[in-house]
Amino acid sequence: MRYLKLGQHGDDVRALQNKLKTFVPEIQVDGRSGPKTERAVRVA
């Protein structure tokens, strides 16, 4: 498991975003960790 930080981008972020779609369907899977991804992590 890797630790991800706000502002990171790449395949690891994309994989996380795909998993988060289960909890937050409106999240964009763009491979960039921004405020929307951070909020989705908190919801999940």
PDB file of N, CA and C in Angstrom:
ATOM      1  N   MET A   1       0.841  -1.176   0.000  1.00  0.00           N
ATOM      2  CA  MET A   1       0.000   0.000   0.000  1.00  0.00           C
ATOM      3  C   MET A   1       0.888   1.242   0.000  1.00  0.00           C
ATOM      4  N   ARG A   2       0.525   2.195  -0.808  1.00  0.00           N
ATOM      5  CA  ARG A   2       1.264   3.451  -0.870  1.00  0.00           C
ATOM      6  C   ARG A   2       0.460   4.551  -0.200  1.00  0.00           C
ATOM      7  N   TYR A   3       1.180   5.516   0.325  1.00  0.00           N
ATOM      8  CA  TYR A   3       0.543   6.699   0.890  1.00  0.00           C
ATOM      9  C   TYR A   3       0.446   7.746  -0.205  1.00  0.00           C
ATOM     10  N   LEU A   4      -0.713   8.362  -0.321  1.00  0.00           N
ATOM     11  CA  LEU A   4      -0.926   9.399  -1.319  1.00  0.00           C
ATOM     12  C   LEU A   4      -1.167  10.722  -0.610  1.00  0.00           C
ATOM     13  N   LYS A   5      -0.698  11.795  -1.235  1.00  0.00           N
ATOM     14  CA  LYS A   5      -0.866  13.135  -0.674  1.00  0.00           C
ATOM     15  C   LYS A   5      -1.632  14.001  -1.658  1.00  0.00           C
ATOM     16  N   LEU A   6      -2.240  15.033  -1.131  1.00  0.00           N
ATOM     17  CA  LEU A   6      -2.925  16.014  -1.950  1.00  0.00           C
ATOM     18  C   LEU A   6      -1.941  16.585  -2.957  1.00  0.00           C
ATOM     19  N   GLY A   7      -2.343  16.653  -4.206  1.00  0.00           N
ATOM     20  CA  GLY A   7      -1.494  17.207  -5.254  1.00  0.00           C
ATOM     21  C   GLY A   7      -0.758  16.157  -6.067  1.00  0.00           C
ATOM     22  N   GLN A   8      -0.775  14.910  -5.601  1.00  0.00           N
ATOM     23  CA  GLN A   8      -0.108  13.864  -6.368  1.00  0.00           C
ATOM     24  C   GLN A   8      -0.941  13.514  -7.593  1.00  0.00           C
ATOM     25  N   HIS A   9      -0.307  12.855  -8.542  1.00  0.00           N
ATOM     26  CA  HIS A   9      -1.024  12.401  -9.725  1.00  0.00           C
ATOM     27  C   HIS A   9      -0.378  11.115 -10.229  1.00  0.00           C
ATOM     28  N   GLY A  10      -1.145  10.384 -11.016  1.00  0.00           N
ATOM     29  CA  GLY A  10      -0.618   9.156 -11.595  1.00  0.00           C
ATOM     30  C   GLY A  10      -1.564   7.975 -11.438  1.00  0.00           C
ATOM     31  N   ASP A  11      -1.038   6.804 -11.757  1.00  0.00           N
ATOM     32  CA  ASP A  11      -1.848   5.587 -11.764  1.00  0.00           C
ATOM     33  C   ASP A  11      -2.355   5.201 -10.380  1.00  0.00           C
ATOM     34  N   ASP A  12      -1.568   5.441  -9.341  1.00  0.00           N
ATOM     35  CA  ASP A  12      -2.017   5.112  -7.985  1.00  0.00           C
ATOM     36  C   ASP A  12      -3.231   5.955  -7.596  1.00  0.00           C
ATOM     37  N   VAL A  13      -3.211   7.219  -7.955  1.00  0.00           N
ATOM     38  CA  VAL A  13      -4.347   8.106  -7.657  1.00  0.00           C
ATOM     39  C   VAL A  13      -5.559   7.657  -8.467  1.00  0.00           C
ATOM     40  N   ARG A  14      -5.339   7.313  -9.714  1.00  0.00           N
ATOM     41  CA  ARG A  14      -6.431   6.852 -10.575  1.00  0.00           C
ATOM     42  C   ARG A  14      -7.085   5.584  -9.985  1.00  0.00           C
ATOM     43  N   ALA A  15      -6.276   4.657  -9.497  1.00  0.00           N
ATOM     44  CA  ALA A  15      -6.801   3.429  -8.892  1.00  0.00           C
ATOM     45  C   ALA A  15      -7.636   3.754  -7.651  1.00  0.00           C
ATOM     46  N   LEU A  16      -7.146   4.670  -6.829  1.00  0.00           N
ATOM     47  CA  LEU A  16      -7.899   5.092  -5.642  1.00  0.00           C
ATOM     48  C   LEU A  16      -9.229   5.713  -6.051  1.00  0.00           C
ATOM     49  N   GLN A  17      -9.203   6.593  -7.034  1.00  0.00           N
ATOM     50  CA  GLN A  17     -10.419   7.262  -7.474  1.00  0.00           C
ATOM     51  C   GLN A  17     -11.440   6.255  -8.005  1.00  0.00           C
ATOM     52  N   ASN A  18     -10.979   5.237  -8.711  1.00  0.00           N
ATOM     53  CA  ASN A  18     -11.892   4.199  -9.197  1.00  0.00           C
ATOM     54  C   ASN A  18     -12.574   3.487  -8.037  1.00  0.00           C
ATOM     55  N   LYS A  19     -11.837   3.212  -6.980  1.00  0.00           N
ATOM     56  CA  LYS A  19     -12.422   2.562  -5.804  1.00  0.00           C
ATOM     57  C   LYS A  19     -13.375   3.501  -5.070  1.00  0.00           C
ATOM     58  N   LEU A  20     -13.043   4.780  -5.039  1.00  0.00           N
ATOM     59  CA  LEU A  20     -13.889   5.757  -4.347  1.00  0.00           C
ATOM     60  C   LEU A  20     -15.232   5.956  -5.042  1.00  0.00           C
ATOM     61  N   LYS A  21     -15.307   5.660  -6.334  1.00  0.00           N
ATOM     62  CA  LYS A  21     -16.559   5.827  -7.081  1.00  0.00           C
ATOM     63  C   LYS A  21     -17.691   4.999  -6.475  1.00  0.00           C
ATOM     64  N   THR A  22     -17.360   3.942  -5.757  1.00  0.00           N
ATOM     65  CA  THR A  22     -18.376   3.136  -5.079  1.00  0.00           C
ATOM     66  C   THR A  22     -19.119   3.978  -4.043  1.00  0.00           C
ATOM     67  N   PHE A  23     -18.399   4.841  -3.367  1.00  0.00           N
ATOM     68  CA  PHE A  23     -18.966   5.657  -2.296  1.00  0.00           C
ATOM     69  C   PHE A  23     -19.398   7.040  -2.774  1.00  0.00           C
ATOM     70  N   VAL A  24     -18.678   7.572  -3.751  1.00  0.00           N
ATOM     71  CA  VAL A  24     -18.938   8.924  -4.259  1.00  0.00           C
ATOM     72  C   VAL A  24     -18.962   8.851  -5.792  1.00  0.00           C
ATOM     73  N   PRO A  25     -20.109   8.450  -6.363  1.00  0.00           N
ATOM     74  CA  PRO A  25     -20.178   8.206  -7.809  1.00  0.00           C
ATOM     75  C   PRO A  25     -19.824   9.410  -8.685  1.00  0.00           C
ATOM     76  N   GLU A  26     -19.979  10.614  -8.167  1.00  0.00           N
ATOM     77  CA  GLU A  26     -19.726  11.796  -8.996  1.00  0.00           C
ATOM     78  C   GLU A  26     -18.249  12.180  -9.093  1.00  0.00           C
ATOM     79  N   ILE A  27     -17.372  11.473  -8.385  1.00  0.00           N
ATOM     80  CA  ILE A  27     -15.948  11.820  -8.438  1.00  0.00           C
ATOM     81  C   ILE A  27     -15.391  11.546  -9.840  1.00  0.00           C
ATOM     82  N   GLN A  28     -14.543  12.432 -10.306  1.00  0.00           N
ATOM     83  CA  GLN A  28     -13.886  12.254 -11.603  1.00  0.00           C
ATOM     84  C   GLN A  28     -12.653  11.392 -11.431  1.00  0.00           C
ATOM     85  N   VAL A  29     -12.474  10.456 -12.350  1.00  0.00           N
ATOM     86  CA  VAL A  29     -11.271   9.627 -12.349  1.00  0.00           C
ATOM     87  C   VAL A  29     -10.321  10.257 -13.359  1.00  0.00           C
ATOM     88  N   ASP A  30      -9.466  11.150 -12.856  1.00  0.00           N
ATOM     89  CA  ASP A  30      -8.543  11.871 -13.733  1.00  0.00           C
ATOM     90  C   ASP A  30      -7.083  11.660 -13.347  1.00  0.00           C
ATOM     91  N   GLY A  31      -6.847  10.912 -12.275  1.00  0.00           N
ATOM     92  CA  GLY A  31      -5.475  10.632 -11.862  1.00  0.00           C
ATOM     93  C   GLY A  31      -4.801  11.762 -11.108  1.00  0.00           C
ATOM     94  N   ARG A  32      -5.567  12.781 -10.730  1.00  0.00           N
ATOM     95  CA  ARG A  32      -5.012  13.901  -9.974  1.00  0.00           C
ATOM     96  C   ARG A  32      -5.703  13.993  -8.620  1.00  0.00           C
ATOM     97  N   SER A  33      -4.911  14.054  -7.577  1.00  0.00           N
ATOM     98  CA  SER A  33      -5.446  14.124  -6.220  1.00  0.00           C
ATOM     99  C   SER A  33      -5.636  15.580  -5.825  1.00  0.00           C
ATOM    100  N   GLY A  34      -6.891  15.987  -5.812  1.00  0.00           N
ATOM    101  CA  GLY A  34      -7.210  17.359  -5.447  1.00  0.00           C
ATOM    102  C   GLY A  34      -8.234  17.380  -4.324  1.00  0.00           C
ATOM    103  N   PRO A  35      -8.853  18.522  -4.100  1.00  0.00           N
ATOM    104  CA  PRO A  35      -9.813  18.664  -3.005  1.00  0.00           C
ATOM    105  C   PRO A  35     -11.002  17.706  -3.103  1.00  0.00           C
ATOM    106  N   LYS A  36     -11.476  17.426  -4.315  1.00  0.00           N
ATOM    107  CA  LYS A  36     -12.618  16.516  -4.467  1.00  0.00           C
ATOM    108  C   LYS A  36     -12.231  15.093  -4.089  1.00  0.00           C
ATOM    109  N   THR A  37     -11.031  14.685  -4.446  1.00  0.00           N
ATOM    110  CA  THR A  37     -10.559  13.355  -4.064  1.00  0.00           C
ATOM    111  C   THR A  37     -10.397  13.284  -2.552  1.00  0.00           C
ATOM    112  N   GLU A  38      -9.868  14.336  -1.964  1.00  0.00           N
ATOM    113  CA  GLU A  38      -9.688  14.362  -0.512  1.00  0.00           C
ATOM    114  C   GLU A  38     -11.036  14.245   0.204  1.00  0.00           C
ATOM    115  N   ARG A  39     -12.045  14.977  -0.271  1.00  0.00           N
ATOM    116  CA  ARG A  39     -13.376  14.899   0.338  1.00  0.00           C
ATOM    117  C   ARG A  39     -13.963  13.496   0.185  1.00  0.00           C
ATOM    118  N   ALA A  40     -13.756  12.886  -0.974  1.00  0.00           N
ATOM    119  CA  ALA A  40     -14.271  11.532  -1.204  1.00  0.00           C
ATOM    120  C   ALA A  40     -13.630  10.531  -0.250  1.00  0.00           C
ATOM    121  N   VAL A  41     -12.353  10.698   0.037  1.00  0.00           N
ATOM    122  CA  VAL A  41     -11.669   9.812   0.989  1.00  0.00           C
ATOM    123  C   VAL A  41     -12.301   9.964   2.366  1.00  0.00           C
ATOM    124  N   ARG A  42     -12.620  11.171   2.741  1.00  0.00           N
ATOM    125  CA  ARG A  42     -13.226  11.405   4.059  1.00  0.00           C
ATOM    126  C   ARG A  42     -14.627  10.793   4.145  1.00  0.00           C
ATOM    127  N   VAL A  43     -15.371  10.831   3.046  1.00  0.00           N
ATOM    128  CA  VAL A  43     -16.713  10.249   3.014  1.00  0.00           C
ATOM    129  C   VAL A  43     -16.633   8.729   3.112  1.00  0.00           C
ATOM    130  N   ALA A  44     -15.675   8.161   2.398  1.00  0.00           N
ATOM    131  CA  ALA A  44     -15.539   6.694   2.361  1.00  0.00           C
ATOM    132  C   ALA A  44     -15.036   6.220   3.693  1.00  0.00           C
TER     133      ALA A  44
END
